[in-house]
Amino acid sequence: MKLHKEAYPTIFYAAIIYVLFNLGLWILLKEYPQVNLSLFLLTTIFLILIIYFFRVPKNLQPLQPQAILSPAYGTIVNIEPRYEDEYFKKEMNCISIFMSPLNIHCNYFPISGFVPYFAYHPGDYFVAFHEKSSELNEHTSTVITNDHVELLVKQ
């Protein structure tokens, strides 16, 4: 399993906390082996979930040049027409993808092509299910064009 390069500091510090916490438990709870084992298993699962969060899959390439792949691993929660007022200035289909903590948090360009527009938008950090989170949260906007399609991806 390949890990994202930015994961290593987080995993390193999580592993140090894991070792110190479990050593402390072992010293403090020697006379309670069942409690010690239960907490050891719980912290081990937590460390495995941290490592699992940062995994990087092998990205698939489309077989047809006009194919559009999903830019994120997650669940499509909404498809609706929406007026796009940042670049295209017209009504377009908006596809919203929710990534849970168990999903791979890598994003990709859904098509190959040229990037005529990119913008960073500072903002808030509302939870994903907040009604206005996609508009008010910090995000980037990228327009990608090729011979078949022109699209805007917001992350």
N, C-alpha and C. Protein backbone atom coordinates (compact mmCIF):
# COMPACT_ATOMS: atom_id res chain seq x y z
N MET A 1 0.85 -1.17 0.00
CA MET A 1 0.00 0.00 0.00
C MET A 1 0.90 1.24 0.00
N LYS A 2 0.63 2.13 -0.93
CA LYS A 2 1.39 3.37 -1.02
C LYS A 2 0.71 4.44 -0.16
N LEU A 3 1.53 5.25 0.53
CA LEU A 3 1.01 6.33 1.36
C LEU A 3 1.36 7.67 0.74
N HIS A 4 0.51 8.65 0.98
CA HIS A 4 0.76 10.00 0.50
C HIS A 4 1.98 10.56 1.22
N LYS A 5 2.82 11.30 0.52
CA LYS A 5 4.07 11.81 1.09
C LYS A 5 3.84 12.73 2.28
N GLU A 6 2.73 13.44 2.30
CA GLU A 6 2.44 14.34 3.42
C GLU A 6 1.93 13.60 4.64
N ALA A 7 1.73 12.29 4.54
CA ALA A 7 1.23 11.51 5.66
C ALA A 7 2.33 11.16 6.66
N TYR A 8 3.56 11.11 6.22
CA TYR A 8 4.63 10.58 7.06
C TYR A 8 4.82 11.35 8.38
N PRO A 9 4.80 12.68 8.41
CA PRO A 9 4.91 13.35 9.72
C PRO A 9 3.75 13.00 10.66
N THR A 10 2.53 12.98 10.12
CA THR A 10 1.36 12.65 10.94
C THR A 10 1.47 11.23 11.49
N ILE A 11 1.84 10.30 10.64
CA ILE A 11 1.96 8.90 11.07
C ILE A 11 3.10 8.76 12.08
N PHE A 12 4.20 9.48 11.88
CA PHE A 12 5.33 9.43 12.80
C PHE A 12 4.91 9.89 14.19
N TYR A 13 4.25 11.04 14.28
CA TYR A 13 3.82 11.54 15.59
C TYR A 13 2.73 10.67 16.21
N ALA A 14 1.84 10.15 15.38
CA ALA A 14 0.81 9.24 15.90
C ALA A 14 1.44 7.97 16.45
N ALA A 15 2.48 7.47 15.79
CA ALA A 15 3.16 6.26 16.26
C ALA A 15 3.89 6.52 17.58
N ILE A 16 4.51 7.70 17.71
CA ILE A 16 5.18 8.04 18.97
C ILE A 16 4.16 8.12 20.11
N ILE A 17 3.05 8.79 19.88
CA ILE A 17 2.00 8.88 20.89
C ILE A 17 1.47 7.50 21.22
N TYR A 18 1.29 6.67 20.20
CA TYR A 18 0.81 5.29 20.37
C TYR A 18 1.74 4.51 21.29
N VAL A 19 3.04 4.56 21.02
CA VAL A 19 4.02 3.81 21.81
C VAL A 19 4.06 4.34 23.25
N LEU A 20 4.14 5.65 23.41
CA LEU A 20 4.20 6.23 24.75
C LEU A 20 2.93 5.95 25.55
N PHE A 21 1.79 6.08 24.91
CA PHE A 21 0.52 5.83 25.58
C PHE A 21 0.42 4.38 26.03
N ASN A 22 0.78 3.45 25.15
CA ASN A 22 0.68 2.03 25.50
C ASN A 22 1.73 1.61 26.52
N LEU A 23 2.92 2.21 26.48
CA LEU A 23 3.91 1.95 27.54
C LEU A 23 3.39 2.45 28.89
N GLY A 24 2.82 3.64 28.89
CA GLY A 24 2.24 4.17 30.11
C GLY A 24 1.12 3.30 30.65
N LEU A 25 0.27 2.83 29.77
CA LEU A 25 -0.80 1.92 30.20
C LEU A 25 -0.23 0.63 30.77
N TRP A 26 0.76 0.10 30.13
CA TRP A 26 1.37 -1.16 30.59
C TRP A 26 1.96 -0.99 31.99
N ILE A 27 2.61 0.16 32.22
CA ILE A 27 3.20 0.42 33.54
C ILE A 27 2.11 0.66 34.59
N LEU A 28 1.10 1.46 34.25
CA LEU A 28 0.07 1.82 35.22
C LEU A 28 -0.96 0.72 35.47
N LEU A 29 -1.21 -0.09 34.46
CA LEU A 29 -2.29 -1.08 34.57
C LEU A 29 -1.80 -2.52 34.51
N LYS A 30 -0.62 -2.78 35.08
CA LYS A 30 -0.09 -4.16 35.05
C LYS A 30 -1.03 -5.15 35.72
N GLU A 31 -1.68 -4.72 36.78
CA GLU A 31 -2.55 -5.64 37.51
C GLU A 31 -3.93 -5.80 36.87
N TYR A 32 -4.19 -5.09 35.78
CA TYR A 32 -5.46 -5.20 35.05
C TYR A 32 -5.19 -5.57 33.58
N PRO A 33 -4.79 -6.81 33.33
CA PRO A 33 -4.40 -7.17 31.95
C PRO A 33 -5.55 -7.07 30.94
N GLN A 34 -6.77 -7.33 31.36
CA GLN A 34 -7.90 -7.26 30.42
C GLN A 34 -8.13 -5.81 29.96
N VAL A 35 -8.05 -4.87 30.89
CA VAL A 35 -8.22 -3.45 30.54
C VAL A 35 -7.06 -3.00 29.67
N ASN A 36 -5.86 -3.43 30.04
CA ASN A 36 -4.67 -3.08 29.27
C ASN A 36 -4.77 -3.60 27.84
N LEU A 37 -5.18 -4.84 27.68
CA LEU A 37 -5.32 -5.44 26.35
C LEU A 37 -6.40 -4.73 25.54
N SER A 38 -7.52 -4.41 26.19
CA SER A 38 -8.61 -3.72 25.49
C SER A 38 -8.16 -2.35 24.98
N LEU A 39 -7.48 -1.58 25.82
CA LEU A 39 -7.01 -0.27 25.41
C LEU A 39 -5.90 -0.37 24.36
N PHE A 40 -5.07 -1.39 24.46
CA PHE A 40 -4.04 -1.62 23.44
C PHE A 40 -4.68 -1.90 22.08
N LEU A 41 -5.70 -2.75 22.07
CA LEU A 41 -6.39 -3.06 20.81
C LEU A 41 -7.09 -1.83 20.24
N LEU A 42 -7.70 -1.03 21.11
CA LEU A 42 -8.38 0.18 20.68
C LEU A 42 -7.40 1.18 20.06
N THR A 43 -6.27 1.40 20.70
CA THR A 43 -5.28 2.34 20.15
C THR A 43 -4.63 1.79 18.89
N THR A 44 -4.49 0.49 18.79
CA THR A 44 -3.94 -0.13 17.57
C THR A 44 -4.89 0.09 16.40
N ILE A 45 -6.18 -0.11 16.64
CA ILE A 45 -7.18 0.13 15.59
C ILE A 45 -7.14 1.60 15.16
N PHE A 46 -7.02 2.50 16.13
CA PHE A 46 -6.97 3.93 15.82
C PHE A 46 -5.74 4.26 14.97
N LEU A 47 -4.57 3.70 15.30
CA LEU A 47 -3.36 3.93 14.50
C LEU A 47 -3.51 3.36 13.09
N ILE A 48 -4.12 2.20 12.98
CA ILE A 48 -4.34 1.60 11.65
C ILE A 48 -5.29 2.48 10.82
N LEU A 49 -6.31 3.06 11.45
CA LEU A 49 -7.22 3.95 10.73
C LEU A 49 -6.51 5.22 10.26
N ILE A 50 -5.58 5.73 11.05
CA ILE A 50 -4.81 6.90 10.64
C ILE A 50 -3.98 6.55 9.40
N ILE A 51 -3.32 5.41 9.42
CA ILE A 51 -2.53 4.98 8.26
C ILE A 51 -3.43 4.73 7.06
N TYR A 52 -4.56 4.10 7.29
CA TYR A 52 -5.53 3.78 6.23
C TYR A 52 -6.05 5.05 5.56
N PHE A 53 -6.22 6.13 6.32
CA PHE A 53 -6.73 7.39 5.81
C PHE A 53 -5.82 7.97 4.72
N PHE A 54 -4.50 7.77 4.85
CA PHE A 54 -3.54 8.39 3.95
C PHE A 54 -3.12 7.51 2.77
N ARG A 55 -3.81 6.42 2.52
CA ARG A 55 -3.42 5.54 1.43
C ARG A 55 -3.66 6.21 0.07
N VAL A 56 -2.86 5.82 -0.90
CA VAL A 56 -2.99 6.36 -2.26
C VAL A 56 -3.21 5.16 -3.19
N PRO A 57 -4.34 5.11 -3.87
CA PRO A 57 -4.61 3.99 -4.76
C PRO A 57 -3.92 4.18 -6.10
N LYS A 58 -3.90 3.11 -6.85
CA LYS A 58 -3.44 3.20 -8.23
C LYS A 58 -4.59 3.80 -9.03
N ASN A 59 -4.34 4.94 -9.65
CA ASN A 59 -5.39 5.64 -10.37
C ASN A 59 -5.63 4.98 -11.73
N LEU A 60 -6.88 4.78 -12.08
CA LEU A 60 -7.24 4.17 -13.35
C LEU A 60 -7.25 5.21 -14.46
N GLN A 61 -6.89 4.81 -15.63
CA GLN A 61 -6.93 5.68 -16.80
C GLN A 61 -8.15 5.31 -17.64
N PRO A 62 -8.87 6.30 -18.17
CA PRO A 62 -10.05 5.98 -18.99
C PRO A 62 -9.65 5.30 -20.29
N LEU A 63 -10.52 4.40 -20.74
CA LEU A 63 -10.28 3.69 -21.99
C LEU A 63 -10.65 4.53 -23.20
N GLN A 64 -11.64 5.42 -23.05
CA GLN A 64 -12.05 6.29 -24.13
C GLN A 64 -11.59 7.71 -23.83
N PRO A 65 -11.12 8.44 -24.83
CA PRO A 65 -10.64 9.80 -24.58
C PRO A 65 -11.74 10.76 -24.13
N GLN A 66 -13.00 10.48 -24.45
CA GLN A 66 -14.08 11.37 -24.05
C GLN A 66 -14.68 11.00 -22.69
N ALA A 67 -14.14 9.96 -22.03
CA ALA A 67 -14.65 9.54 -20.72
C ALA A 67 -14.29 10.56 -19.64
N ILE A 68 -15.18 10.68 -18.67
CA ILE A 68 -14.95 11.54 -17.51
C ILE A 68 -14.95 10.64 -16.28
N LEU A 69 -13.83 10.64 -15.56
CA LEU A 69 -13.73 9.85 -14.33
C LEU A 69 -14.13 10.69 -13.13
N SER A 70 -14.50 10.05 -12.06
CA SER A 70 -14.80 10.77 -10.83
C SER A 70 -13.51 11.38 -10.29
N PRO A 71 -13.55 12.64 -9.87
CA PRO A 71 -12.34 13.28 -9.36
C PRO A 71 -12.02 12.88 -7.92
N ALA A 72 -12.93 12.16 -7.24
CA ALA A 72 -12.72 11.81 -5.84
C ALA A 72 -13.33 10.45 -5.54
N TYR A 73 -12.77 9.79 -4.54
CA TYR A 73 -13.33 8.54 -4.04
C TYR A 73 -14.34 8.91 -2.97
N GLY A 74 -15.59 8.57 -3.18
CA GLY A 74 -16.62 8.92 -2.22
C GLY A 74 -17.97 8.52 -2.74
N THR A 75 -18.99 9.18 -2.22
CA THR A 75 -20.37 8.89 -2.58
C THR A 75 -21.00 10.12 -3.22
N ILE A 76 -21.61 9.92 -4.38
CA ILE A 76 -22.35 11.02 -5.01
C ILE A 76 -23.60 11.26 -4.17
N VAL A 77 -23.72 12.47 -3.65
CA VAL A 77 -24.85 12.78 -2.78
C VAL A 77 -25.88 13.68 -3.45
N ASN A 78 -25.49 14.31 -4.57
CA ASN A 78 -26.43 15.21 -5.21
C ASN A 78 -26.01 15.46 -6.66
N ILE A 79 -26.98 15.45 -7.56
CA ILE A 79 -26.80 15.88 -8.94
C ILE A 79 -27.95 16.82 -9.25
N GLU A 80 -27.60 18.08 -9.54
CA GLU A 80 -28.65 19.05 -9.80
C GLU A 80 -28.15 20.13 -10.75
N PRO A 81 -29.05 20.73 -11.52
CA PRO A 81 -28.65 21.88 -12.32
C PRO A 81 -28.43 23.08 -11.39
N ARG A 82 -27.37 23.83 -11.66
CA ARG A 82 -27.05 24.99 -10.83
C ARG A 82 -26.38 26.05 -11.70
N TYR A 83 -26.71 27.30 -11.44
CA TYR A 83 -26.07 28.37 -12.18
C TYR A 83 -24.63 28.52 -11.69
N GLU A 84 -23.68 28.41 -12.60
CA GLU A 84 -22.26 28.52 -12.26
C GLU A 84 -21.85 29.96 -12.57
N ASP A 85 -21.49 30.72 -11.51
CA ASP A 85 -21.24 32.15 -11.69
C ASP A 85 -19.76 32.54 -11.59
N GLU A 86 -18.88 31.57 -11.50
CA GLU A 86 -17.47 31.91 -11.35
C GLU A 86 -16.73 32.01 -12.69
N TYR A 87 -17.00 31.09 -13.60
CA TYR A 87 -16.24 31.06 -14.86
C TYR A 87 -17.16 30.99 -16.08
N PHE A 88 -18.04 30.00 -16.11
CA PHE A 88 -18.87 29.78 -17.30
C PHE A 88 -20.06 30.72 -17.38
N LYS A 89 -20.57 31.14 -16.24
CA LYS A 89 -21.71 32.06 -16.17
C LYS A 89 -22.94 31.51 -16.90
N LYS A 90 -23.25 30.25 -16.62
CA LYS A 90 -24.44 29.62 -17.19
C LYS A 90 -24.87 28.46 -16.31
N GLU A 91 -26.05 27.93 -16.58
CA GLU A 91 -26.55 26.80 -15.83
C GLU A 91 -25.83 25.53 -16.28
N MET A 92 -25.36 24.76 -15.30
CA MET A 92 -24.63 23.52 -15.58
C MET A 92 -25.05 22.46 -14.57
N ASN A 93 -24.73 21.20 -14.84
CA ASN A 93 -24.99 20.14 -13.87
C ASN A 93 -23.91 20.18 -12.80
N CYS A 94 -24.34 20.14 -11.54
CA CYS A 94 -23.42 20.10 -10.40
C CYS A 94 -23.51 18.71 -9.78
N ILE A 95 -22.38 18.04 -9.68
CA ILE A 95 -22.31 16.72 -9.06
C ILE A 95 -21.53 16.87 -7.77
N SER A 96 -22.17 16.59 -6.63
CA SER A 96 -21.53 16.73 -5.32
C SER A 96 -21.11 15.35 -4.81
N ILE A 97 -19.86 15.25 -4.38
CA ILE A 97 -19.31 13.99 -3.88
C ILE A 97 -18.90 14.19 -2.43
N PHE A 98 -19.40 13.33 -1.55
CA PHE A 98 -19.04 13.37 -0.13
C PHE A 98 -17.97 12.31 0.14
N MET A 99 -16.90 12.74 0.80
CA MET A 99 -15.85 11.80 1.20
C MET A 99 -15.90 11.62 2.71
N SER A 100 -16.18 10.41 3.15
CA SER A 100 -16.19 10.12 4.58
C SER A 100 -14.74 9.93 5.05
N PRO A 101 -14.50 9.90 6.34
CA PRO A 101 -13.13 9.68 6.83
C PRO A 101 -12.54 8.34 6.37
N LEU A 102 -13.38 7.40 5.96
CA LEU A 102 -12.87 6.11 5.50
C LEU A 102 -12.55 6.10 4.01
N ASN A 103 -12.96 7.12 3.28
CA ASN A 103 -12.64 7.21 1.86
C ASN A 103 -11.20 7.66 1.65
N ILE A 104 -10.66 7.32 0.50
CA ILE A 104 -9.34 7.79 0.12
C ILE A 104 -9.46 9.29 -0.16
N HIS A 105 -8.61 10.09 0.44
CA HIS A 105 -8.70 11.54 0.29
C HIS A 105 -7.70 12.07 -0.73
N CYS A 106 -7.70 11.46 -1.89
CA CYS A 106 -6.92 11.95 -3.03
C CYS A 106 -7.91 12.45 -4.06
N ASN A 107 -7.59 13.56 -4.66
CA ASN A 107 -8.43 14.09 -5.73
C ASN A 107 -7.62 14.11 -7.02
N TYR A 108 -8.32 13.89 -8.13
CA TYR A 108 -7.68 13.80 -9.43
C TYR A 108 -8.40 14.69 -10.42
N PHE A 109 -7.74 15.00 -11.52
CA PHE A 109 -8.43 15.64 -12.63
C PHE A 109 -9.27 14.57 -13.30
N PRO A 110 -10.55 14.85 -13.55
CA PRO A 110 -11.42 13.83 -14.14
C PRO A 110 -11.18 13.61 -15.63
N ILE A 111 -10.51 14.56 -16.29
CA ILE A 111 -10.18 14.42 -17.71
C ILE A 111 -8.76 14.93 -17.90
N SER A 112 -8.15 14.54 -19.00
CA SER A 112 -6.88 15.17 -19.36
C SER A 112 -7.20 16.36 -20.25
N GLY A 113 -6.34 17.35 -20.21
CA GLY A 113 -6.59 18.53 -21.02
C GLY A 113 -5.80 19.73 -20.57
N PHE A 114 -6.29 20.88 -20.93
CA PHE A 114 -5.64 22.16 -20.67
C PHE A 114 -6.38 22.85 -19.52
N VAL A 115 -5.63 23.57 -18.65
CA VAL A 115 -6.22 24.28 -17.52
C VAL A 115 -6.17 25.79 -17.80
N PRO A 116 -7.27 26.37 -18.31
CA PRO A 116 -7.27 27.80 -18.59
C PRO A 116 -7.57 28.67 -17.37
N TYR A 117 -8.07 28.05 -16.28
CA TYR A 117 -8.46 28.85 -15.12
C TYR A 117 -8.23 28.05 -13.86
N PHE A 118 -7.63 28.69 -12.85
CA PHE A 118 -7.46 28.11 -11.53
C PHE A 118 -7.58 29.23 -10.51
N ALA A 119 -8.31 29.00 -9.43
CA ALA A 119 -8.46 30.02 -8.39
C ALA A 119 -8.54 29.37 -7.02
N TYR A 120 -7.88 30.01 -6.07
CA TYR A 120 -7.96 29.60 -4.66
C TYR A 120 -8.92 30.54 -3.95
N HIS A 121 -9.82 29.99 -3.15
CA HIS A 121 -10.81 30.78 -2.43
C HIS A 121 -10.66 30.51 -0.93
N PRO A 122 -10.13 31.48 -0.17
CA PRO A 122 -10.06 31.28 1.28
C PRO A 122 -11.48 31.25 1.84
N GLY A 123 -11.63 30.62 2.99
CA GLY A 123 -12.97 30.54 3.57
C GLY A 123 -12.99 29.87 4.91
N ASP A 124 -14.16 29.39 5.28
CA ASP A 124 -14.39 28.75 6.58
C ASP A 124 -14.13 27.25 6.49
N TYR A 125 -14.45 26.55 7.57
CA TYR A 125 -14.23 25.10 7.64
C TYR A 125 -15.47 24.43 8.23
N PHE A 126 -16.61 24.67 7.59
CA PHE A 126 -17.84 24.02 8.04
C PHE A 126 -17.78 22.53 7.72
N VAL A 127 -18.54 21.74 8.49
CA VAL A 127 -18.62 20.31 8.21
C VAL A 127 -19.26 20.10 6.84
N ALA A 128 -18.95 18.98 6.22
CA ALA A 128 -19.35 18.74 4.84
C ALA A 128 -20.86 18.74 4.64
N PHE A 129 -21.63 18.32 5.63
CA PHE A 129 -23.08 18.26 5.45
C PHE A 129 -23.78 19.59 5.73
N HIS A 130 -23.02 20.62 6.08
CA HIS A 130 -23.59 21.97 6.25
C HIS A 130 -24.10 22.44 4.89
N GLU A 131 -25.27 23.06 4.86
CA GLU A 131 -25.93 23.43 3.60
C GLU A 131 -25.06 24.30 2.69
N LYS A 132 -24.35 25.24 3.23
CA LYS A 132 -23.56 26.18 2.43
C LYS A 132 -22.06 25.89 2.47
N SER A 133 -21.65 24.71 2.93
CA SER A 133 -20.23 24.42 3.08
C SER A 133 -19.48 24.48 1.75
N SER A 134 -20.09 24.04 0.66
CA SER A 134 -19.39 24.05 -0.63
C SER A 134 -19.12 25.47 -1.13
N GLU A 135 -19.92 26.43 -0.69
CA GLU A 135 -19.72 27.82 -1.10
C GLU A 135 -18.86 28.60 -0.12
N LEU A 136 -19.01 28.33 1.18
CA LEU A 136 -18.35 29.13 2.21
C LEU A 136 -17.01 28.57 2.67
N ASN A 137 -16.78 27.28 2.47
CA ASN A 137 -15.52 26.68 2.91
C ASN A 137 -14.36 27.06 1.99
N GLU A 138 -13.16 26.94 2.51
CA GLU A 138 -11.96 27.12 1.70
C GLU A 138 -12.00 26.10 0.56
N HIS A 139 -11.69 26.53 -0.66
CA HIS A 139 -11.69 25.60 -1.79
C HIS A 139 -10.89 26.17 -2.96
N THR A 140 -10.64 25.31 -3.92
CA THR A 140 -10.03 25.73 -5.18
C THR A 140 -11.01 25.42 -6.31
N SER A 141 -10.89 26.19 -7.37
CA SER A 141 -11.69 25.96 -8.58
C SER A 141 -10.73 25.79 -9.75
N THR A 142 -10.95 24.74 -10.53
CA THR A 142 -10.09 24.47 -11.68
C THR A 142 -10.97 24.17 -12.88
N VAL A 143 -10.74 24.88 -13.96
CA VAL A 143 -11.44 24.61 -15.22
C VAL A 143 -10.49 23.77 -16.08
N ILE A 144 -11.01 22.69 -16.64
CA ILE A 144 -10.22 21.80 -17.50
C ILE A 144 -10.97 21.67 -18.82
N THR A 145 -10.24 21.82 -19.91
CA THR A 145 -10.87 21.69 -21.24
C THR A 145 -10.06 20.71 -22.09
N ASN A 146 -10.77 20.02 -22.95
CA ASN A 146 -10.13 19.21 -23.99
C ASN A 146 -11.02 19.25 -25.23
N ASP A 147 -10.76 18.41 -26.19
CA ASP A 147 -11.53 18.43 -27.45
C ASP A 147 -12.98 18.01 -27.26
N HIS A 148 -13.30 17.34 -26.16
CA HIS A 148 -14.64 16.76 -25.98
C HIS A 148 -15.51 17.49 -24.96
N VAL A 149 -14.88 18.10 -23.96
CA VAL A 149 -15.67 18.66 -22.86
C VAL A 149 -14.91 19.79 -22.17
N GLU A 150 -15.67 20.62 -21.49
CA GLU A 150 -15.11 21.70 -20.70
C GLU A 150 -15.82 21.63 -19.34
N LEU A 151 -15.06 21.52 -18.25
CA LEU A 151 -15.69 21.38 -16.96
C LEU A 151 -14.95 22.13 -15.87
N LEU A 152 -15.65 22.37 -14.76
CA LEU A 152 -15.12 23.06 -13.60
C LEU A 152 -15.14 22.08 -12.43
N VAL A 153 -14.00 21.95 -11.74
CA VAL A 153 -13.89 21.07 -10.59
C VAL A 153 -13.59 21.95 -9.38
N LYS A 154 -14.41 21.79 -8.34
CA LYS A 154 -14.15 22.51 -7.07
C LYS A 154 -13.77 21.48 -6.02
N GLN A 155 -12.73 21.81 -5.28
CA GLN A 155 -12.29 20.92 -4.21
C GLN A 155 -12.25 21.72 -2.93
